[in-house]
Protein backbone atom coordinates (compact mmCIF):
# COMPACT_ATOMS: atom_id res chain seq x y z
CA MET A 1 25.48 28.14 -9.37
CA THR A 2 26.69 25.61 -6.81
CA LEU A 3 24.36 24.79 -3.92
CA LEU A 4 25.89 23.29 -0.77
CA LEU A 5 23.78 21.26 1.66
CA ASP A 6 24.93 20.72 5.23
CA ILE A 7 24.07 17.12 6.17
CA GLY A 8 26.56 16.83 9.01
CA ASP A 9 23.88 16.64 11.70
CA LEU A 10 21.87 13.92 9.94
CA SER A 11 22.03 10.25 10.84
CA GLU A 12 23.24 7.61 8.36
CA ARG A 13 19.64 6.67 7.55
CA GLN A 14 18.53 10.28 7.14
CA THR A 15 21.50 11.05 4.93
CA ASP A 16 20.86 8.07 2.66
CA ARG A 17 17.17 8.96 2.42
CA ALA A 18 18.03 12.54 1.48
CA LEU A 19 20.56 11.47 -1.15
CA ASN A 20 18.18 8.94 -2.67
CA THR A 21 15.39 11.54 -2.79
CA ILE A 22 17.63 14.02 -4.59
CA TYR A 23 18.76 11.46 -7.18
CA LYS A 24 15.21 10.20 -7.71
CA ALA A 25 14.12 13.78 -8.38
CA ILE A 26 16.90 14.10 -10.96
CA HIS A 27 15.52 11.01 -12.78
CA SER A 28 11.81 11.85 -12.41
CA HIS A 29 11.16 12.90 -16.07
CA ASP A 30 7.78 14.28 -15.02
CA ASP A 31 7.90 18.05 -15.16
CA ASP A 32 4.81 19.83 -16.45
CA SER A 33 6.23 20.11 -19.97
CA SER A 34 6.70 16.38 -20.47
CA ILE A 35 4.38 14.37 -18.26
CA TRP A 36 1.41 14.84 -20.62
CA ARG A 37 3.40 14.05 -23.78
CA GLU A 38 2.24 10.96 -25.69
CA HIS A 39 4.17 7.82 -24.88
CA GLU A 40 6.92 6.98 -27.35
CA SER A 41 5.93 3.32 -27.67
CA PRO A 42 3.06 2.72 -30.10
CA PHE A 43 2.22 -0.47 -28.20
CA VAL A 44 1.18 1.30 -24.99
CA ARG A 45 0.46 4.83 -26.21
CA ARG A 46 -3.29 4.34 -26.57
CA LEU A 47 -3.51 2.37 -23.32
CA VAL A 48 -1.77 5.13 -21.37
CA GLU A 49 -4.25 7.69 -22.69
CA LEU A 50 -7.25 5.48 -21.90
CA PHE A 51 -6.11 4.78 -18.33
CA THR A 52 -5.27 8.44 -17.81
CA GLN A 53 -8.71 9.51 -19.08
CA ARG A 54 -10.50 7.01 -16.83
CA GLY A 55 -8.59 8.19 -13.77
CA LEU A 56 -8.93 11.90 -14.47
CA MET A 57 -12.69 11.50 -14.93
CA ARG A 58 -12.88 10.11 -11.39
CA LEU A 59 -10.76 12.91 -9.94
CA ASP A 60 -12.67 15.54 -11.90
CA GLY A 61 -15.98 14.21 -10.62
CA PHE A 62 -14.64 14.38 -7.07
CA ARG A 63 -13.46 17.97 -7.57
CA LYS A 64 -16.65 19.26 -9.24
CA GLU A 65 -18.99 17.78 -6.67
CA LEU A 66 -16.81 19.00 -3.80
CA GLU A 67 -17.03 22.52 -5.23
CA GLN A 68 -20.82 22.15 -5.45
CA TRP A 69 -21.01 21.18 -1.78
CA LEU A 70 -18.79 24.11 -0.82
CA ALA A 71 -21.03 26.48 -2.77
CA GLY A 72 -24.17 25.13 -1.10
CA GLU A 73 -25.56 23.88 -4.43
CA ARG A 74 -26.26 20.33 -3.22
CA HIS A 75 -28.80 21.38 -0.59
CA THR A 76 -32.25 20.09 -1.58
CA GLY A 77 -34.40 21.83 1.03
CA ALA A 78 -36.11 18.50 1.81
CA PRO A 79 -37.01 17.56 5.41
CA ARG A 80 -33.95 16.99 7.57
CA VAL A 81 -32.52 13.49 7.88
CA ARG A 82 -30.77 12.42 11.07
CA ARG A 83 -27.00 12.18 10.97
CA PRO A 84 -25.83 8.59 10.34
CA PRO A 85 -23.91 7.21 13.35
CA GLY A 86 -20.30 6.11 13.23
CA ALA A 87 -17.07 7.42 11.82
CA MET A 88 -15.38 6.80 8.46
CA GLU A 89 -16.03 3.25 7.33
CA ARG A 90 -16.41 1.41 4.06
CA TRP A 91 -20.08 2.20 3.66
CA THR A 92 -22.46 -0.12 1.85
CA HIS A 93 -24.50 1.23 -1.05
CA GLY A 94 -27.45 1.79 1.30
CA GLU A 95 -25.30 3.54 3.91
CA LEU A 96 -23.78 5.74 1.21
CA SER A 97 -27.28 6.78 0.13
CA LEU A 98 -28.18 7.58 3.73
CA VAL A 99 -25.07 9.77 4.10
CA ARG A 100 -26.00 11.60 0.90
CA LEU A 101 -29.55 12.23 2.11
CA TYR A 102 -28.29 13.59 5.42
CA LEU A 103 -25.84 15.95 3.74
CA GLU A 104 -28.30 17.12 1.08
CA THR A 105 -30.96 18.01 3.65
CA LEU A 106 -28.55 19.80 6.00
CA PRO A 107 -28.69 23.60 5.46
CA PRO A 108 -25.25 24.84 4.31
CA ALA A 109 -25.06 27.34 7.18
CA GLU A 110 -25.31 24.49 9.71
CA PHE A 111 -22.41 22.40 8.41
CA THR A 112 -19.90 21.59 11.12
CA LEU A 113 -16.31 20.49 10.57
CA ASP A 114 -17.44 16.87 11.11
CA ASP A 115 -20.03 17.32 8.39
CA TRP A 116 -17.39 18.62 5.97
CA MET A 117 -15.20 15.63 6.78
CA MET A 118 -18.18 13.42 6.00
CA VAL A 119 -18.55 15.16 2.62
CA VAL A 120 -14.94 14.30 1.76
CA ASP A 121 -15.37 10.69 2.92
CA TYR A 122 -18.58 10.40 0.92
CA LEU A 123 -16.92 11.71 -2.25
CA ALA A 124 -13.88 9.47 -1.77
CA GLN A 125 -16.09 6.39 -1.58
CA ARG A 126 -18.27 7.53 -4.45
CA TYR A 127 -15.57 8.42 -6.96
CA LEU A 128 -12.55 6.44 -5.73
CA PRO A 129 -13.91 3.20 -4.22
CA ALA A 130 -11.17 0.66 -3.54
CA THR A 131 -13.01 -2.21 -5.28
CA ASP A 132 -13.43 -0.23 -8.49
CA LEU A 133 -9.82 0.95 -8.41
CA ARG A 134 -8.54 -2.61 -8.03
CA SER A 135 -10.63 -3.60 -11.06
CA GLU A 136 -9.18 -0.64 -12.99
CA ALA A 137 -5.69 -1.75 -11.99
CA GLU A 138 -6.28 -5.31 -13.20
CA TRP A 139 -7.78 -4.05 -16.48
CA PHE A 140 -4.69 -1.93 -17.01
CA ALA A 141 -2.14 -4.51 -15.87
CA VAL A 142 -3.46 -7.35 -18.04
CA ARG A 143 -3.64 -5.20 -21.15
CA SER A 144 -0.25 -3.56 -20.69
CA VAL A 145 1.54 -6.87 -20.12
CA TYR A 146 -0.19 -8.32 -23.17
CA MET A 147 0.78 -5.33 -25.28
CA GLY A 148 4.34 -6.39 -24.51
CA ARG A 149 3.46 -9.78 -25.96
CA VAL A 150 1.97 -8.03 -28.98
CA GLN A 151 5.28 -6.23 -29.46
CA ALA A 152 7.05 -9.59 -29.34
CA SER A 153 4.87 -10.72 -32.26
CA MET A 154 4.95 -7.68 -34.56
CA GLU A 155 7.36 -4.86 -35.30
CA SER A 156 4.99 -1.89 -35.32
CA LEU A 157 1.38 -1.00 -34.60
CA SER A 158 -0.90 1.75 -35.86
CA ALA A 159 -3.36 3.60 -33.62
CA LYS A 160 -6.28 1.82 -35.28
CA GLN A 161 -4.65 -1.57 -34.79
CA ALA A 162 -3.90 -0.76 -31.16
CA ASP A 163 -7.58 0.01 -30.56
CA LYS A 164 -8.59 -3.31 -32.14
CA VAL A 165 -6.16 -5.28 -30.00
CA LEU A 166 -7.07 -3.48 -26.77
CA ASP A 167 -10.78 -4.04 -27.37
CA ALA A 168 -10.18 -7.76 -27.92
CA LEU A 169 -7.87 -8.40 -24.96
CA PRO A 170 -9.28 -9.90 -21.74
CA SER A 171 -9.85 -7.63 -18.73
CA THR A 172 -8.81 -10.00 -15.95
CA LEU A 173 -6.01 -12.43 -15.27
CA GLU A 174 -8.37 -15.38 -15.07
CA ALA A 175 -10.00 -14.49 -18.40
CA ALA A 176 -6.54 -14.19 -19.96
CA ALA A 177 -5.53 -17.59 -18.57
CA GLU A 178 -8.64 -19.13 -20.12
CA ARG A 179 -8.11 -17.42 -23.47
CA PHE A 180 -4.34 -17.83 -23.91
CA THR A 181 -1.65 -20.27 -22.99
CA MET A 182 0.78 -18.57 -20.63
CA THR A 183 3.92 -19.72 -18.89
CA SER A 184 4.26 -19.57 -15.12
CA THR A 185 6.62 -16.61 -15.58
CA GLN A 186 4.10 -14.71 -17.69
CA ARG A 187 1.38 -15.35 -15.11
CA VAL A 188 3.63 -14.06 -12.33
CA MET A 189 4.34 -10.93 -14.40
CA ILE A 190 0.60 -10.17 -14.60
CA GLU A 191 -0.04 -11.01 -10.93
CA TYR A 192 2.75 -8.70 -9.82
CA ALA A 193 1.68 -5.96 -12.23
CA ARG A 194 -1.92 -6.18 -11.00
CA THR A 195 -0.89 -5.96 -7.35
CA ARG A 196 1.61 -3.15 -7.86
CA CYS A 197 -0.79 -1.04 -9.93
CA ALA A 198 -3.61 -1.61 -7.42
CA GLU A 199 -1.35 -0.47 -4.59
CA ASN A 200 -0.44 2.68 -6.49
CA VAL A 201 -3.97 3.75 -7.40
CA THR A 202 -5.49 2.93 -3.99
CA ARG A 203 -2.65 4.82 -2.33
CA LEU A 204 -3.46 7.81 -4.54
CA ALA A 205 -7.12 7.54 -3.50
CA ASP A 206 -6.14 7.46 0.17
CA ASN A 207 -3.85 10.46 -0.36
CA THR A 208 -6.71 12.30 -2.07
CA ARG A 209 -9.02 11.72 0.87
CA HIS A 210 -6.47 12.68 3.51
CA ARG A 211 -5.27 15.76 1.64
CA MET A 212 -8.81 17.01 0.99
CA ARG A 213 -9.67 16.56 4.68
CA GLU A 214 -6.60 18.61 5.62
CA VAL A 215 -7.40 21.34 3.10
CA ILE A 216 -11.09 21.61 4.09
CA ALA A 217 -10.25 21.57 7.81
CA TYR A 218 -7.69 24.34 7.46
CA HIS A 219 -9.85 26.63 5.36
CA THR A 220 -12.94 25.98 7.52
CA GLU A 221 -10.93 27.15 10.50
CA GLN A 222 -9.77 30.22 8.58
CA GLU A 223 -13.37 31.10 7.66
CA PHE A 224 -14.55 30.61 11.24
CA LEU A 225 -11.80 32.95 12.45
CA GLY A 226 -12.89 35.55 9.90
CA VAL A 227 -9.65 35.54 7.89
CA PRO A 228 -10.22 37.72 4.79
CA GLY A 229 -10.26 35.85 1.46
CA ALA A 230 -10.46 32.39 3.07
CA ARG A 231 -13.04 31.07 0.58
CA HIS A 232 -11.15 32.39 -2.47
CA SER A 233 -7.96 30.89 -1.07
CA LEU A 234 -9.72 27.54 -0.76
CA GLN A 235 -10.70 27.55 -4.44
CA THR A 236 -7.12 28.30 -5.45
CA THR A 237 -5.82 25.53 -3.20
CA LEU A 238 -8.24 23.00 -4.66
CA VAL A 239 -7.12 23.82 -8.20
CA ASP A 240 -3.49 23.29 -7.19
CA GLU A 241 -4.19 20.10 -5.24
CA PHE A 242 -6.19 18.44 -7.99
CA GLY A 243 -3.59 19.50 -10.55
CA THR A 244 -1.04 17.56 -8.50
CA LEU A 245 -3.35 14.56 -8.18
CA ASN A 246 -3.92 14.54 -11.95
CA ARG A 247 -0.17 14.45 -12.52
CA ASP A 248 0.18 11.66 -9.96
CA TRP A 249 -2.38 9.55 -11.83
CA ARG A 250 -0.64 10.27 -15.13
CA ARG A 251 2.68 9.26 -13.59
CA ILE A 252 1.17 5.90 -12.58
CA ALA A 253 -0.21 5.41 -16.10
CA VAL A 254 3.10 6.08 -17.84
CA THR A 255 5.29 4.19 -15.38
CA GLU A 256 3.09 1.11 -15.03
CA ALA A 257 2.41 0.83 -18.78
CA GLY A 258 6.12 0.93 -19.56
CA GLU A 259 7.05 -1.45 -16.76
CA ASN A 260 4.36 -4.00 -17.62
CA ALA A 261 4.83 -3.92 -21.39
CA ASN A 262 8.61 -4.25 -21.12
CA GLN A 263 8.33 -7.12 -18.65
CA GLY A 264 5.69 -8.75 -20.86
CA TYR A 265 7.97 -8.36 -23.87
CA ILE A 266 11.03 -9.83 -22.12
CA SER A 267 9.01 -12.75 -20.71
CA SER A 268 7.75 -13.55 -24.24
CA MET A 269 11.17 -13.78 -25.89
CA ALA A 270 13.25 -16.95 -25.95
CA PRO A 271 16.38 -17.12 -23.78
CA GLY A 272 19.43 -16.21 -25.83
CA THR A 273 17.60 -13.44 -27.73
CA LYS A 274 19.54 -10.18 -27.96
CA VAL A 275 17.59 -6.96 -27.39
CA ARG A 276 18.59 -3.31 -27.50
CA ARG A 277 17.48 -0.59 -25.09
CA VAL A 278 15.88 2.51 -26.64
CA GLU A 279 15.90 5.68 -24.53
CA MET A 280 15.71 8.26 -27.32
CA TYR A 281 13.09 10.70 -26.10
CA GLU A 282 12.90 14.27 -24.89
CA ASP A 283 14.36 14.98 -21.42
CA ALA A 284 15.80 11.48 -20.89
CA CYS A 285 17.95 11.60 -17.76
CA GLY A 286 21.68 10.97 -17.69
CA TRP A 287 21.29 7.34 -16.62
CA CYS A 288 18.83 6.54 -19.42
CA ARG A 289 20.94 8.32 -22.02
CA LYS A 290 23.90 6.26 -20.86
CA ILE A 291 22.13 2.94 -21.44
CA ASP A 292 20.50 3.95 -24.75
CA GLY A 293 21.55 1.43 -27.41
CA LYS A 294 22.84 -1.06 -24.84
CA VAL A 295 22.49 -4.65 -26.11
CA MET A 296 21.48 -7.26 -23.54
CA GLU A 297 20.95 -11.01 -23.72
CA ILE A 298 17.69 -12.43 -22.40
CA VAL A 299 18.04 -15.31 -19.93
CA SER A 300 15.46 -17.10 -17.82
CA ALA A 301 14.76 -15.75 -14.35
CA ASP A 302 16.04 -18.95 -12.74
CA ALA A 303 19.26 -19.11 -14.77
CA PRO A 304 22.30 -19.61 -12.52
CA ASP A 305 25.16 -17.09 -12.37
CA LYS A 306 23.29 -14.32 -14.18
CA ASP A 307 25.37 -11.34 -15.28
CA GLY A 308 23.47 -8.15 -14.49
CA ASP A 309 25.73 -6.07 -16.72
CA THR A 310 25.08 -8.01 -19.92
CA GLN A 311 21.90 -10.01 -19.31
CA ILE A 312 18.24 -9.22 -18.75
CA TRP A 313 15.50 -11.46 -17.37
CA PRO A 314 11.81 -11.24 -16.38
CA GLY A 315 11.43 -9.53 -13.02
CA LYS A 316 14.80 -7.75 -13.09
CA THR A 317 14.19 -4.35 -11.46
CA ASN A 318 15.97 -1.58 -9.57
CA ILE A 319 13.92 -2.11 -6.41
CA GLY A 320 16.29 -2.04 -3.44
CA ARG A 321 19.05 -0.44 -5.50
CA SER A 322 20.09 3.20 -5.54
CA SER A 323 20.96 5.84 -8.11
CA ALA A 324 22.92 7.79 -5.48
CA PRO A 325 26.61 6.94 -5.97
CA ARG A 326 27.45 7.45 -2.31
CA LYS A 327 26.10 6.48 1.09
CA ARG A 328 26.96 7.54 4.60
CA VAL A 329 29.00 5.28 6.88
CA GLY A 330 29.64 6.88 10.23
CA SER A 331 30.51 10.50 9.61
CA ILE A 332 31.76 10.16 6.02
CA LEU A 333 30.34 9.50 2.57
CA VAL A 334 31.67 6.40 0.81
CA HIS A 335 31.07 5.02 -2.68
CA ARG A 336 28.40 2.36 -2.96
CA GLU A 337 29.32 -1.15 -4.04
CA PRO A 338 28.34 -2.10 -7.62
CA GLU A 339 25.64 -4.47 -6.36
CA GLU A 340 23.97 -1.54 -4.56
CA MET A 341 23.69 0.64 -7.66
CA TRP A 342 21.11 0.73 -10.42
CA TRP A 343 21.55 -1.78 -13.20
CA ILE A 344 19.64 -2.11 -16.47
CA ALA A 345 16.18 -3.26 -15.43
CA ALA A 346 13.83 -5.31 -17.60
CA GLY A 347 10.97 -2.84 -17.24
CA THR A 348 11.28 0.86 -16.51
CA GLN A 349 14.49 2.14 -15.01
CA HIS A 350 12.72 4.52 -12.60
CA PRO A 351 9.32 6.24 -12.22
CA HIS A 352 8.06 7.88 -15.42
CA CYS A 353 10.79 6.23 -17.49
CA ARG A 354 9.73 5.83 -21.14
CA GLY A 355 12.40 3.46 -22.37
CA ARG A 356 11.63 0.23 -24.23
CA TRP A 357 13.28 -2.78 -25.87
CA VAL A 358 13.63 -3.64 -29.54
CA PRO A 359 15.10 -6.81 -31.05
CA VAL A 360 18.64 -6.70 -32.38
CA ILE A 361 17.64 -9.10 -35.16
CA GLN A 362 14.34 -8.36 -36.88
CA ASP A 363 11.70 -10.97 -37.73
CA LEU A 364 12.29 -13.00 -34.59
CA PRO A 365 9.63 -15.63 -33.87
CA GLY A 366 8.74 -13.79 -30.68
CA ASP A 367 5.76 -15.14 -28.78
CA ASP A 368 4.06 -18.52 -29.18
CA PRO A 369 2.29 -19.34 -32.47
CA GLU A 370 -1.12 -19.53 -30.75
CA PHE A 371 -0.93 -15.92 -29.63
CA GLY A 372 0.41 -14.86 -33.01
CA ASP A 373 -2.55 -16.52 -34.74
CA TRP A 374 -4.98 -14.76 -32.40
CA LEU A 375 -3.29 -11.42 -33.05
CA ARG A 376 -3.47 -11.83 -36.84
CA ALA A 377 -7.12 -12.85 -36.64
CA THR A 378 -7.91 -9.86 -34.43
CA LEU A 379 -6.25 -7.48 -36.88
CA GLY A 380 -7.95 -9.09 -39.88
CA GLY A 381 -4.94 -10.80 -41.39
CA ASN A 382 -1.81 -9.01 -42.47
CA ASP A 383 -3.49 -5.87 -43.85
CA ALA A 384 -1.50 -3.05 -42.22
CA SER A 385 -4.21 -0.55 -43.05
CA ASP A 386 -6.63 -2.14 -40.57
């Protein structure tokens, strides 16, 4: 069936935004049947699951305690505590305890809308504090970039070996810089990965808070107005909302792991190395299927006259480029110039992309000998059964 969309009344900017949104949706790869599938790369598979588990535990704690507050189960019956002054702020540990005491001693029947908003703010700061999320992001970024370096040093990795390596890797950029020799490019890759991942997870936390405030406000109003089934409707809405948030966290895990590991891998290989793109996985989009098997030459990021069609370099991404083949100029759609379109990126091609690189020639020297020695010592020599 053909579906026609009338975009005649849109502006150039609105048209381009709509087209880009449609094409991004086509390349999302994150429907319910695939987003929870194990990652195809053995080098980041375990890391993706660990980061997903850590995030979902936070969201699940938020959801369960919110449901307890809604059911009146958190009321202690202790003497009333005065309401803390002020609006939503980044509360200290002591202030957070004071907010909890106020809410726990407030009879459920006396909760106002402001009190329910305070419950959401309290839970957001308890389960999704920005400082903790930034630490989680750095933990994830450092390990995923270094798993790219591990891939540059060995051809395959078992689940048991992956656990050994992940346990031994540093948790912060500074610890990694003290433990390993890294080039300026490799350091930049980790710094950028840390910042990007932190932005993604803190944005998700902010979205969680704002969305829960909207949901609670709406259903509180419906209950006040006596709308039948308002409380049951709230429970259903919460299940749907947290299901979406869980998928959003999983999307961050898969996308960031692939991006960081691929960038770490490319930054660890010598210029002139030939690598092949692997996009052989279920539900790969048309773009990824098209570049599967494509051989690219690695060059340094500062190499002059780089050829984006045949060369790859650390930091090469599709940011600022479009998958939509056309854009609006005036009242007509015109083809985009080649420099406006997606090219083969060093990391992931788009959100939730699962592609990776493999060497064209096996047994390449890969990363520096120092890191290779550390990796062999961590795995207990060359015994593949470890």
